[in-house]
Amino acid sequence: MLLVVCLLAAACGGGDSTEEERAAQAEIATLASEALDALDEAVAVSGEQLQEAAEQVSEAVQEGQLGLATPGVLVVGTNADFLPFVGRGDDDGIRGFDVDLMTEVGSRMGLEPVWVDMPFPNLTGAVTTGEVDVVIAAITITNQREEVIDFSHPYFVGSQGLAAPPGSDLTGVEDLSSDVTIAVLADTTGEAYATDTFLDAEIASYADRATALGALSAGAVDAVFMDTDALVEQAREGSVVLVEEVPTAERYGIGLAEDNAPLRTAVNEALDAVVADGTYERIFTEWFPGRDVEQVIDLLR
């Protein structure tokens, strides 16, 4: 597109010109027209590829090739205690960025998700035993997890954050001395990072975010360390102060059983379509206002 704009600008320059300059401008205009035609063709090809992928996914669903626990239903395991990714609304229904994204992915596959809420540490096992078809709950793709389950293409880039109560003396991770206790979430990358990095501090693991934040509020711990985006809402409300963000560049993925290549392919095709048609940007902007969605999409590529 930049090339086309530059060519058109050059071709449309004002002022008097010689015959030689006019001939050069005509040639530039021709090149610009050819570039636009090439761009139109590329867009058409991209659209055709997306349509073809959608048809292949639909065919796989109809023929029962995806190895679903219940034919025609996409059973999704999650942990509904991690807004803005997954949480409970006022009506106790599940909501969040991951919920909206997975709903769109399921729609592209011709399937409506059925949600199963469970503790975060149980998600991997639920996939391997076939209790659920996929899992999504801000799950970081790691080598350790990939030894047990497969993942879709990445759909989000996250970081870890250190938060403390208002009025805390903590100013950053460099203040995590032996007299500081940090709450982390069990079986998460935040727990692994804190255990490996904050060697002087005491690490206390909790089963879910609500319990960890409750311990912070009660004074049982001095700080919490978990995914930054899971702390932002509390920071806005004033219940915690986001002391420091640690840029771990973690990529979240949708977890699937290792031996189900057809389902993985179908999920990836559907996820790519959600990104390509602008739906991802719409959902992202709703749940992460002010964040640069294009930067996240670029990091995912």
C-alpha atoms as a PDB file:
ATOM      1  CA  MET A   1       0.000   0.000   0.000  1.00  0.00           C
ATOM      2  CA  LEU A   2       2.859   2.390   0.829  1.00  0.00           C
ATOM      3  CA  LEU A   3       4.401   1.686  -2.582  1.00  0.00           C
ATOM      4  CA  VAL A   4       1.116   2.478  -4.320  1.00  0.00           C
ATOM      5  CA  VAL A   5       0.702   5.770  -2.425  1.00  0.00           C
ATOM      6  CA  CYS A   6       4.272   6.835  -3.249  1.00  0.00           C
ATOM      7  CA  LEU A   7       3.850   5.978  -6.927  1.00  0.00           C
ATOM      8  CA  LEU A   8       0.578   7.846  -7.171  1.00  0.00           C
ATOM      9  CA  ALA A   9       2.054  10.875  -5.394  1.00  0.00           C
ATOM     10  CA  ALA A  10       4.965  10.931  -7.812  1.00  0.00           C
ATOM     11  CA  ALA A  11       2.699  10.556 -10.834  1.00  0.00           C
ATOM     12  CA  CYS A  12       0.389  13.373  -9.722  1.00  0.00           C
ATOM     13  CA  GLY A  13       3.049  15.977  -8.946  1.00  0.00           C
ATOM     14  CA  GLY A  14       2.079  19.476  -9.985  1.00  0.00           C
ATOM     15  CA  GLY A  15       3.965  22.193 -11.877  1.00  0.00           C
ATOM     16  CA  ASP A  16       5.259  22.550 -15.412  1.00  0.00           C
ATOM     17  CA  SER A  17       7.057  19.524 -16.840  1.00  0.00           C
ATOM     18  CA  THR A  18       8.992  18.614 -19.935  1.00  0.00           C
ATOM     19  CA  GLU A  19       7.913  15.945 -22.396  1.00  0.00           C
ATOM     20  CA  GLU A  20      10.454  13.583 -20.850  1.00  0.00           C
ATOM     21  CA  GLU A  21       9.087  14.221 -17.367  1.00  0.00           C
ATOM     22  CA  ARG A  22       5.517  13.670 -18.597  1.00  0.00           C
ATOM     23  CA  ALA A  23       6.539  10.350 -20.102  1.00  0.00           C
ATOM     24  CA  ALA A  24       8.141   9.347 -16.797  1.00  0.00           C
ATOM     25  CA  GLN A  25       4.992  10.328 -14.898  1.00  0.00           C
ATOM     26  CA  ALA A  26       2.872   8.257 -17.279  1.00  0.00           C
ATOM     27  CA  GLU A  27       5.111   5.264 -16.662  1.00  0.00           C
ATOM     28  CA  ILE A  28       4.831   5.766 -12.897  1.00  0.00           C
ATOM     29  CA  ALA A  29       1.039   5.966 -13.193  1.00  0.00           C
ATOM     30  CA  THR A  30       1.037   2.677 -15.090  1.00  0.00           C
ATOM     31  CA  LEU A  31       3.179   1.049 -12.404  1.00  0.00           C
ATOM     32  CA  ALA A  32       0.834   2.358  -9.723  1.00  0.00           C
ATOM     33  CA  SER A  33      -2.164   0.925 -11.543  1.00  0.00           C
ATOM     34  CA  GLU A  34      -0.425  -2.428 -11.872  1.00  0.00           C
ATOM     35  CA  ALA A  35       0.426  -2.355  -8.150  1.00  0.00           C
ATOM     36  CA  LEU A  36      -3.212  -1.725  -7.260  1.00  0.00           C
ATOM     37  CA  ASP A  37      -4.285  -4.611  -9.490  1.00  0.00           C
ATOM     38  CA  ALA A  38      -1.737  -6.863  -7.761  1.00  0.00           C
ATOM     39  CA  LEU A  39      -3.038  -5.766  -4.361  1.00  0.00           C
ATOM     40  CA  ASP A  40      -6.636  -6.512  -5.374  1.00  0.00           C
ATOM     41  CA  GLU A  41      -5.564  -9.948  -6.589  1.00  0.00           C
ATOM     42  CA  ALA A  42      -3.703 -10.674  -3.334  1.00  0.00           C
ATOM     43  CA  VAL A  43      -6.751  -9.700  -1.265  1.00  0.00           C
ATOM     44  CA  ALA A  44      -8.955 -11.909  -3.430  1.00  0.00           C
ATOM     45  CA  VAL A  45      -6.595 -14.853  -3.052  1.00  0.00           C
ATOM     46  CA  SER A  46      -6.470 -14.327   0.716  1.00  0.00           C
ATOM     47  CA  GLY A  47     -10.265 -14.293   0.848  1.00  0.00           C
ATOM     48  CA  GLU A  48     -10.461 -17.445  -1.240  1.00  0.00           C
ATOM     49  CA  GLN A  49      -7.994 -19.187   1.068  1.00  0.00           C
ATOM     50  CA  LEU A  50     -10.025 -18.238   4.140  1.00  0.00           C
ATOM     51  CA  GLN A  51     -13.214 -19.479   2.484  1.00  0.00           C
ATOM     52  CA  GLU A  52     -11.547 -22.741   1.479  1.00  0.00           C
ATOM     53  CA  ALA A  53     -10.246 -23.246   5.025  1.00  0.00           C
ATOM     54  CA  ALA A  54     -13.714 -22.564   6.457  1.00  0.00           C
ATOM     55  CA  GLU A  55     -15.244 -25.136   4.117  1.00  0.00           C
ATOM     56  CA  GLN A  56     -12.639 -27.740   5.111  1.00  0.00           C
ATOM     57  CA  VAL A  57     -13.321 -27.133   8.807  1.00  0.00           C
ATOM     58  CA  SER A  58     -17.087 -27.369   8.252  1.00  0.00           C
ATOM     59  CA  GLU A  59     -16.648 -30.632   6.362  1.00  0.00           C
ATOM     60  CA  ALA A  60     -14.471 -32.070   9.138  1.00  0.00           C
ATOM     61  CA  VAL A  61     -17.117 -31.145  11.736  1.00  0.00           C
ATOM     62  CA  GLN A  62     -19.950 -32.648   9.709  1.00  0.00           C
ATOM     63  CA  GLU A  63     -18.036 -35.881   9.137  1.00  0.00           C
ATOM     64  CA  GLY A  64     -17.145 -36.226  12.808  1.00  0.00           C
ATOM     65  CA  GLN A  65     -13.398 -36.116  12.168  1.00  0.00           C
ATOM     66  CA  LEU A  66     -12.480 -33.896  15.120  1.00  0.00           C
ATOM     67  CA  GLY A  67     -12.640 -36.516  17.865  1.00  0.00           C
ATOM     68  CA  LEU A  68     -14.978 -34.432  20.020  1.00  0.00           C
ATOM     69  CA  ALA A  69     -16.045 -35.812  23.394  1.00  0.00           C
ATOM     70  CA  THR A  70     -19.651 -35.241  22.335  1.00  0.00           C
ATOM     71  CA  PRO A  71     -20.302 -35.111  18.557  1.00  0.00           C
ATOM     72  CA  GLY A  72     -21.484 -31.670  17.470  1.00  0.00           C
ATOM     73  CA  VAL A  73     -20.466 -29.996  20.742  1.00  0.00           C
ATOM     74  CA  LEU A  74     -17.202 -28.246  21.636  1.00  0.00           C
ATOM     75  CA  VAL A  75     -16.587 -28.855  25.358  1.00  0.00           C
ATOM     76  CA  VAL A  76     -14.268 -26.123  26.681  1.00  0.00           C
ATOM     77  CA  GLY A  77     -12.463 -26.338  30.006  1.00  0.00           C
ATOM     78  CA  THR A  78     -11.577 -23.086  31.757  1.00  0.00           C
ATOM     79  CA  ASN A  79     -10.941 -21.451  35.115  1.00  0.00           C
ATOM     80  CA  ALA A  80     -13.475 -18.659  35.612  1.00  0.00           C
ATOM     81  CA  ASP A  81     -11.441 -16.647  38.099  1.00  0.00           C
ATOM     82  CA  PHE A  82      -9.139 -14.693  35.833  1.00  0.00           C
ATOM     83  CA  LEU A  83     -10.780 -11.622  34.358  1.00  0.00           C
ATOM     84  CA  PRO A  84     -10.371  -9.986  31.931  1.00  0.00           C
ATOM     85  CA  PHE A  85      -9.710 -13.390  30.326  1.00  0.00           C
ATOM     86  CA  VAL A  86     -12.342 -15.543  32.050  1.00  0.00           C
ATOM     87  CA  GLY A  87     -14.635 -14.710  34.941  1.00  0.00           C
ATOM     88  CA  ARG A  88     -18.188 -14.565  36.226  1.00  0.00           C
ATOM     89  CA  GLY A  89     -20.705 -11.853  35.391  1.00  0.00           C
ATOM     90  CA  ASP A  90     -23.498 -10.488  37.568  1.00  0.00           C
ATOM     91  CA  ASP A  91     -25.753 -13.287  36.321  1.00  0.00           C
ATOM     92  CA  ASP A  92     -23.042 -15.844  37.213  1.00  0.00           C
ATOM     93  CA  GLY A  93     -22.490 -16.521  33.523  1.00  0.00           C
ATOM     94  CA  ILE A  94     -18.964 -16.932  32.171  1.00  0.00           C
ATOM     95  CA  ARG A  95     -17.535 -13.878  30.417  1.00  0.00           C
ATOM     96  CA  GLY A  96     -14.198 -12.451  29.321  1.00  0.00           C
ATOM     97  CA  PHE A  97     -11.788 -12.049  26.418  1.00  0.00           C
ATOM     98  CA  ASP A  98     -11.050 -15.781  26.188  1.00  0.00           C
ATOM     99  CA  VAL A  99     -14.784 -16.538  26.282  1.00  0.00           C
ATOM    100  CA  ASP A 100     -15.612 -14.167  23.418  1.00  0.00           C
ATOM    101  CA  LEU A 101     -12.635 -15.378  21.390  1.00  0.00           C
ATOM    102  CA  MET A 102     -13.443 -19.072  21.892  1.00  0.00           C
ATOM    103  CA  THR A 103     -17.076 -18.437  21.034  1.00  0.00           C
ATOM    104  CA  GLU A 104     -16.005 -16.893  17.734  1.00  0.00           C
ATOM    105  CA  VAL A 105     -13.597 -19.754  17.032  1.00  0.00           C
ATOM    106  CA  GLY A 106     -16.366 -22.242  17.726  1.00  0.00           C
ATOM    107  CA  SER A 107     -18.726 -20.313  15.453  1.00  0.00           C
ATOM    108  CA  ARG A 108     -16.245 -20.611  12.559  1.00  0.00           C
ATOM    109  CA  MET A 109     -16.235 -24.370  13.206  1.00  0.00           C
ATOM    110  CA  GLY A 110     -20.026 -24.575  13.317  1.00  0.00           C
ATOM    111  CA  LEU A 111     -19.910 -25.453  17.027  1.00  0.00           C
ATOM    112  CA  GLU A 112     -21.211 -23.718  20.148  1.00  0.00           C
ATOM    113  CA  PRO A 113     -18.919 -24.026  23.169  1.00  0.00           C
ATOM    114  CA  VAL A 114     -20.147 -25.709  26.329  1.00  0.00           C
ATOM    115  CA  TRP A 115     -18.098 -24.416  29.264  1.00  0.00           C
ATOM    116  CA  VAL A 116     -16.727 -26.501  32.135  1.00  0.00           C
ATOM    117  CA  ASP A 117     -15.306 -24.472  35.032  1.00  0.00           C
ATOM    118  CA  MET A 118     -12.531 -26.110  37.054  1.00  0.00           C
ATOM    119  CA  PRO A 119      -9.384 -25.234  39.049  1.00  0.00           C
ATOM    120  CA  PHE A 120      -6.526 -24.061  36.823  1.00  0.00           C
ATOM    121  CA  PRO A 121      -4.181 -26.940  37.788  1.00  0.00           C
ATOM    122  CA  ASN A 122      -6.807 -29.444  36.539  1.00  0.00           C
ATOM    123  CA  LEU A 123      -7.060 -28.080  32.997  1.00  0.00           C
ATOM    124  CA  THR A 124      -4.206 -30.035  31.436  1.00  0.00           C
ATOM    125  CA  GLY A 125      -5.409 -33.320  32.876  1.00  0.00           C
ATOM    126  CA  ALA A 126      -8.967 -32.665  31.667  1.00  0.00           C
ATOM    127  CA  VAL A 127      -7.667 -32.467  28.086  1.00  0.00           C
ATOM    128  CA  THR A 128      -5.521 -35.597  28.311  1.00  0.00           C
ATOM    129  CA  THR A 129      -8.367 -37.691  29.746  1.00  0.00           C
ATOM    130  CA  GLY A 130     -10.899 -36.443  27.199  1.00  0.00           C
ATOM    131  CA  GLU A 131     -13.126 -34.768  29.791  1.00  0.00           C
ATOM    132  CA  VAL A 132     -12.995 -31.637  27.621  1.00  0.00           C
ATOM    133  CA  ASP A 133     -12.056 -31.037  23.987  1.00  0.00           C
ATOM    134  CA  VAL A 134     -10.015 -27.873  24.511  1.00  0.00           C
ATOM    135  CA  VAL A 135      -8.936 -25.599  27.351  1.00  0.00           C
ATOM    136  CA  ILE A 136      -8.519 -21.834  27.382  1.00  0.00           C
ATOM    137  CA  ALA A 137      -7.728 -19.664  30.411  1.00  0.00           C
ATOM    138  CA  ALA A 138      -4.732 -17.428  29.662  1.00  0.00           C
ATOM    139  CA  ILE A 139      -2.586 -20.585  29.466  1.00  0.00           C
ATOM    140  CA  THR A 140       1.017 -19.856  28.538  1.00  0.00           C
ATOM    141  CA  ILE A 141       2.565 -22.151  25.935  1.00  0.00           C
ATOM    142  CA  THR A 142       5.605 -23.760  27.605  1.00  0.00           C
ATOM    143  CA  ASN A 143       7.918 -26.655  26.744  1.00  0.00           C
ATOM    144  CA  GLN A 144       6.801 -28.462  29.884  1.00  0.00           C
ATOM    145  CA  ARG A 145       3.119 -28.241  28.966  1.00  0.00           C
ATOM    146  CA  GLU A 146       3.826 -29.196  25.360  1.00  0.00           C
ATOM    147  CA  GLU A 147       5.177 -32.504  26.631  1.00  0.00           C
ATOM    148  CA  VAL A 148       1.631 -33.335  27.765  1.00  0.00           C
ATOM    149  CA  ILE A 149      -0.762 -31.461  25.441  1.00  0.00           C
ATOM    150  CA  ASP A 150      -0.728 -29.597  22.128  1.00  0.00           C
ATOM    151  CA  PHE A 151      -1.497 -25.936  21.592  1.00  0.00           C
ATOM    152  CA  SER A 152      -3.133 -23.838  18.928  1.00  0.00           C
ATOM    153  CA  HIS A 153      -1.387 -20.897  17.348  1.00  0.00           C
ATOM    154  CA  PRO A 154      -0.721 -18.213  20.000  1.00  0.00           C
ATOM    155  CA  TYR A 155      -3.614 -15.800  20.510  1.00  0.00           C
ATOM    156  CA  PHE A 156      -2.239 -13.370  23.132  1.00  0.00           C
ATOM    157  CA  VAL A 157       1.060 -12.017  24.466  1.00  0.00           C
ATOM    158  CA  GLY A 158       1.224 -11.469  28.225  1.00  0.00           C
ATOM    159  CA  SER A 159       3.617 -10.492  30.996  1.00  0.00           C
ATOM    160  CA  GLN A 160       3.955 -10.918  34.757  1.00  0.00           C
ATOM    161  CA  GLY A 161       3.195  -8.183  37.256  1.00  0.00           C
ATOM    162  CA  LEU A 162       4.061  -7.449  40.882  1.00  0.00           C
ATOM    163  CA  ALA A 163       1.272  -5.813  42.886  1.00  0.00           C
ATOM    164  CA  ALA A 164       1.118  -4.632  46.508  1.00  0.00           C
ATOM    165  CA  PRO A 165      -1.459  -2.956  48.766  1.00  0.00           C
ATOM    166  CA  PRO A 166      -1.795   0.834  48.617  1.00  0.00           C
ATOM    167  CA  GLY A 167       0.836   2.436  50.856  1.00  0.00           C
ATOM    168  CA  SER A 168       3.296  -0.450  50.528  1.00  0.00           C
ATOM    169  CA  ASP A 169       7.015   0.332  50.647  1.00  0.00           C
ATOM    170  CA  LEU A 170       7.673  -1.994  47.724  1.00  0.00           C
ATOM    171  CA  THR A 171       8.831  -0.136  44.618  1.00  0.00           C
ATOM    172  CA  GLY A 172       9.858  -3.057  42.413  1.00  0.00           C
ATOM    173  CA  VAL A 173      11.164  -6.598  42.273  1.00  0.00           C
ATOM    174  CA  GLU A 174      14.518  -5.424  43.609  1.00  0.00           C
ATOM    175  CA  ASP A 175      12.808  -4.910  46.998  1.00  0.00           C
ATOM    176  CA  LEU A 176      11.846  -8.596  47.358  1.00  0.00           C
ATOM    177  CA  SER A 177      14.041  -9.450  50.327  1.00  0.00           C
ATOM    178  CA  SER A 178      13.844 -12.299  52.858  1.00  0.00           C
ATOM    179  CA  ASP A 179      11.186 -10.554  54.946  1.00  0.00           C
ATOM    180  CA  VAL A 180       8.770 -10.304  51.986  1.00  0.00           C
ATOM    181  CA  THR A 181       6.148 -12.970  51.219  1.00  0.00           C
ATOM    182  CA  ILE A 182       4.768 -13.141  47.687  1.00  0.00           C
ATOM    183  CA  ALA A 183       1.511 -14.827  46.691  1.00  0.00           C
ATOM    184  CA  VAL A 184       1.548 -16.709  43.368  1.00  0.00           C
ATOM    185  CA  LEU A 185      -0.891 -19.027  41.605  1.00  0.00           C
ATOM    186  CA  ALA A 186      -0.120 -22.746  41.732  1.00  0.00           C
ATOM    187  CA  ASP A 187       1.093 -24.476  38.552  1.00  0.00           C
ATOM    188  CA  THR A 188       1.508 -21.220  36.633  1.00  0.00           C
ATOM    189  CA  THR A 189       4.421 -19.573  34.875  1.00  0.00           C
ATOM    190  CA  GLY A 190       4.212 -16.823  37.499  1.00  0.00           C
ATOM    191  CA  GLU A 191       4.929 -19.361  40.229  1.00  0.00           C
ATOM    192  CA  ALA A 192       7.830 -20.835  38.233  1.00  0.00           C
ATOM    193  CA  TYR A 193       9.316 -17.399  37.513  1.00  0.00           C
ATOM    194  CA  ALA A 194       9.014 -16.231  41.126  1.00  0.00           C
ATOM    195  CA  THR A 195      10.524 -19.451  42.500  1.00  0.00           C
ATOM    196  CA  ASP A 196      13.476 -19.302  40.097  1.00  0.00           C
ATOM    197  CA  THR A 197      14.096 -15.548  40.328  1.00  0.00           C
ATOM    198  CA  PHE A 198      13.082 -14.150  43.712  1.00  0.00           C
ATOM    199  CA  LEU A 199      15.412 -16.366  45.720  1.00  0.00           C
ATOM    200  CA  ASP A 200      15.428 -14.200  48.849  1.00  0.00           C
ATOM    201  CA  ALA A 201      11.652 -13.831  49.186  1.00  0.00           C
ATOM    202  CA  GLU A 202       9.199 -16.375  50.571  1.00  0.00           C
ATOM    203  CA  ILE A 203       6.816 -17.778  47.946  1.00  0.00           C
ATOM    204  CA  ALA A 204       3.260 -18.753  48.941  1.00  0.00           C
ATOM    205  CA  SER A 205       1.202 -20.634  46.329  1.00  0.00           C
ATOM    206  CA  TYR A 206      -2.582 -20.286  46.114  1.00  0.00           C
ATOM    207  CA  ALA A 207      -5.128 -22.226  44.079  1.00  0.00           C
ATOM    208  CA  ASP A 208      -6.815 -19.193  42.506  1.00  0.00           C
ATOM    209  CA  ARG A 209      -6.586 -15.441  42.118  1.00  0.00           C
ATOM    210  CA  ALA A 210      -9.416 -14.639  44.546  1.00  0.00           C
ATOM    211  CA  THR A 211      -7.673 -16.508  47.372  1.00  0.00           C
ATOM    212  CA  ALA A 212      -4.321 -14.897  46.596  1.00  0.00           C
ATOM    213  CA  LEU A 213      -5.805 -11.400  46.545  1.00  0.00           C
ATOM    214  CA  GLY A 214      -7.740 -12.203  49.731  1.00  0.00           C
ATOM    215  CA  ALA A 215      -4.456 -13.130  51.428  1.00  0.00           C
ATOM    216  CA  LEU A 216      -2.992  -9.814  50.280  1.00  0.00           C
ATOM    217  CA  SER A 217      -5.976  -7.874  51.609  1.00  0.00           C
ATOM    218  CA  ALA A 218      -5.761  -9.701  54.952  1.00  0.00           C
ATOM    219  CA  GLY A 219      -2.061  -8.960  55.299  1.00  0.00           C
ATOM    220  CA  ALA A 220      -1.045 -12.637  55.105  1.00  0.00           C
ATOM    221  CA  VAL A 221       1.280 -11.802  52.194  1.00  0.00           C
ATOM    222  CA  ASP A 222       3.084  -8.617  51.195  1.00  0.00           C
ATOM    223  CA  ALA A 223       2.589  -8.777  47.413  1.00  0.00           C
ATOM    224  CA  VAL A 224       1.166 -10.868  44.596  1.00  0.00           C
ATOM    225  CA  PHE A 225       2.912 -11.911  41.409  1.00  0.00           C
ATOM    226  CA  MET A 226       0.805 -13.078  38.444  1.00  0.00           C
ATOM    227  CA  ASP A 227      -0.185 -12.166  34.881  1.00  0.00           C
ATOM    228  CA  THR A 228      -0.203  -8.388  34.612  1.00  0.00           C
ATOM    229  CA  ASP A 229      -3.552  -8.152  32.853  1.00  0.00           C
ATOM    230  CA  ALA A 230      -5.171 -10.087  35.707  1.00  0.00           C
ATOM    231  CA  LEU A 231      -4.065  -7.307  38.101  1.00  0.00           C
ATOM    232  CA  VAL A 232      -4.956  -4.259  36.018  1.00  0.00           C
ATOM    233  CA  GLU A 233      -8.643  -4.153  37.030  1.00  0.00           C
ATOM    234  CA  GLN A 234      -7.774  -4.343  40.743  1.00  0.00           C
ATOM    235  CA  ALA A 235      -5.239  -1.564  40.224  1.00  0.00           C
ATOM    236  CA  ARG A 236      -7.891   0.614  38.566  1.00  0.00           C
ATOM    237  CA  GLU A 237     -10.259   0.015  41.484  1.00  0.00           C
ATOM    238  CA  GLY A 238      -7.506   0.998  43.910  1.00  0.00           C
ATOM    239  CA  SER A 239      -7.384  -2.256  45.872  1.00  0.00           C
ATOM    240  CA  VAL A 240      -3.796  -2.876  44.762  1.00  0.00           C
ATOM    241  CA  VAL A 241      -0.935  -0.913  43.256  1.00  0.00           C
ATOM    242  CA  LEU A 242       0.794  -2.381  40.209  1.00  0.00           C
ATOM    243  CA  VAL A 243       4.377  -1.964  41.374  1.00  0.00           C
ATOM    244  CA  GLU A 244       6.237  -3.372  38.362  1.00  0.00           C
ATOM    245  CA  GLU A 245       5.569  -5.191  35.110  1.00  0.00           C
ATOM    246  CA  VAL A 246       8.045  -7.923  34.149  1.00  0.00           C
ATOM    247  CA  PRO A 247       8.096  -8.302  30.316  1.00  0.00           C
ATOM    248  CA  THR A 248       8.189 -12.102  30.037  1.00  0.00           C
ATOM    249  CA  ALA A 249       6.607 -12.079  26.533  1.00  0.00           C
ATOM    250  CA  GLU A 250       4.463 -15.135  27.247  1.00  0.00           C
ATOM    251  CA  ARG A 251       2.254 -16.449  24.471  1.00  0.00           C
ATOM    252  CA  TYR A 252      -1.134 -17.891  25.398  1.00  0.00           C
ATOM    253  CA  GLY A 253      -2.631 -20.772  23.443  1.00  0.00           C
ATOM    254  CA  ILE A 254      -5.705 -22.986  23.292  1.00  0.00           C
ATOM    255  CA  GLY A 255      -4.802 -26.407  24.702  1.00  0.00           C
ATOM    256  CA  LEU A 256      -5.781 -29.648  22.929  1.00  0.00           C
ATOM    257  CA  ALA A 257      -5.053 -33.369  23.209  1.00  0.00           C
ATOM    258  CA  GLU A 258      -1.722 -34.410  21.707  1.00  0.00           C
ATOM    259  CA  ASP A 259      -3.097 -36.966  19.273  1.00  0.00           C
ATOM    260  CA  ASN A 260      -5.912 -34.880  17.787  1.00  0.00           C
ATOM    261  CA  ALA A 261      -4.321 -33.239  14.751  1.00  0.00           C
ATOM    262  CA  PRO A 262      -7.675 -32.689  12.942  1.00  0.00           C
ATOM    263  CA  LEU A 263      -9.065 -30.667  15.858  1.00  0.00           C
ATOM    264  CA  ARG A 264      -5.847 -28.663  16.174  1.00  0.00           C
ATOM    265  CA  THR A 265      -5.954 -27.832  12.464  1.00  0.00           C
ATOM    266  CA  ALA A 266      -9.626 -26.837  12.658  1.00  0.00           C
ATOM    267  CA  VAL A 267      -9.030 -24.596  15.683  1.00  0.00           C
ATOM    268  CA  ASN A 268      -6.030 -22.945  14.023  1.00  0.00           C
ATOM    269  CA  GLU A 269      -7.917 -22.292  10.794  1.00  0.00           C
ATOM    270  CA  ALA A 270     -10.818 -20.793  12.741  1.00  0.00           C
ATOM    271  CA  LEU A 271      -8.502 -18.694  14.926  1.00  0.00           C
ATOM    272  CA  ASP A 272      -6.647 -17.366  11.878  1.00  0.00           C
ATOM    273  CA  ALA A 273      -9.981 -16.390  10.317  1.00  0.00           C
ATOM    274  CA  VAL A 274     -11.035 -14.511  13.464  1.00  0.00           C
ATOM    275  CA  VAL A 275      -7.794 -12.498  13.304  1.00  0.00           C
ATOM    276  CA  ALA A 276      -7.943 -11.949   9.530  1.00  0.00           C
ATOM    277  CA  ASP A 277     -11.498 -10.591   9.369  1.00  0.00           C
ATOM    278  CA  GLY A 278     -11.038  -8.039  12.166  1.00  0.00           C
ATOM    279  CA  THR A 279     -13.091  -9.856  14.800  1.00  0.00           C
ATOM    280  CA  TYR A 280     -10.037 -10.350  17.025  1.00  0.00           C
ATOM    281  CA  GLU A 281      -9.337  -6.617  16.994  1.00  0.00           C
ATOM    282  CA  ARG A 282     -12.931  -5.850  18.000  1.00  0.00           C
ATOM    283  CA  ILE A 283     -12.862  -8.289  20.924  1.00  0.00           C
ATOM    284  CA  PHE A 284      -9.401  -7.170  22.048  1.00  0.00           C
ATOM    285  CA  THR A 285     -10.369  -3.490  22.034  1.00  0.00           C
ATOM    286  CA  GLU A 286     -13.440  -4.240  24.147  1.00  0.00           C
ATOM    287  CA  TRP A 287     -11.506  -6.063  26.874  1.00  0.00           C
ATOM    288  CA  PHE A 288      -8.189  -4.184  26.732  1.00  0.00           C
ATOM    289  CA  PRO A 289      -9.073  -0.548  25.972  1.00  0.00           C
ATOM    290  CA  GLY A 290      -6.058   1.595  25.273  1.00  0.00           C
ATOM    291  CA  ARG A 291      -3.803  -1.349  24.411  1.00  0.00           C
ATOM    292  CA  ASP A 292      -2.141  -1.477  20.981  1.00  0.00           C
ATOM    293  CA  VAL A 293      -3.864  -4.429  19.302  1.00  0.00           C
ATOM    294  CA  GLU A 294      -1.687  -4.182  16.183  1.00  0.00           C
ATOM    295  CA  GLN A 295       1.439  -4.588  18.296  1.00  0.00           C
ATOM    296  CA  VAL A 296       0.009  -7.752  19.850  1.00  0.00           C
ATOM    297  CA  ILE A 297      -1.008  -9.159  16.460  1.00  0.00           C
ATOM    298  CA  ASP A 298       2.479  -8.442  15.091  1.00  0.00           C
ATOM    299  CA  LEU A 299       4.053 -10.307  18.029  1.00  0.00           C
ATOM    300  CA  LEU A 300       1.794 -13.286  17.380  1.00  0.00           C
ATOM    301  CA  ARG A 301       2.888 -13.642  13.767  1.00  0.00           C
END
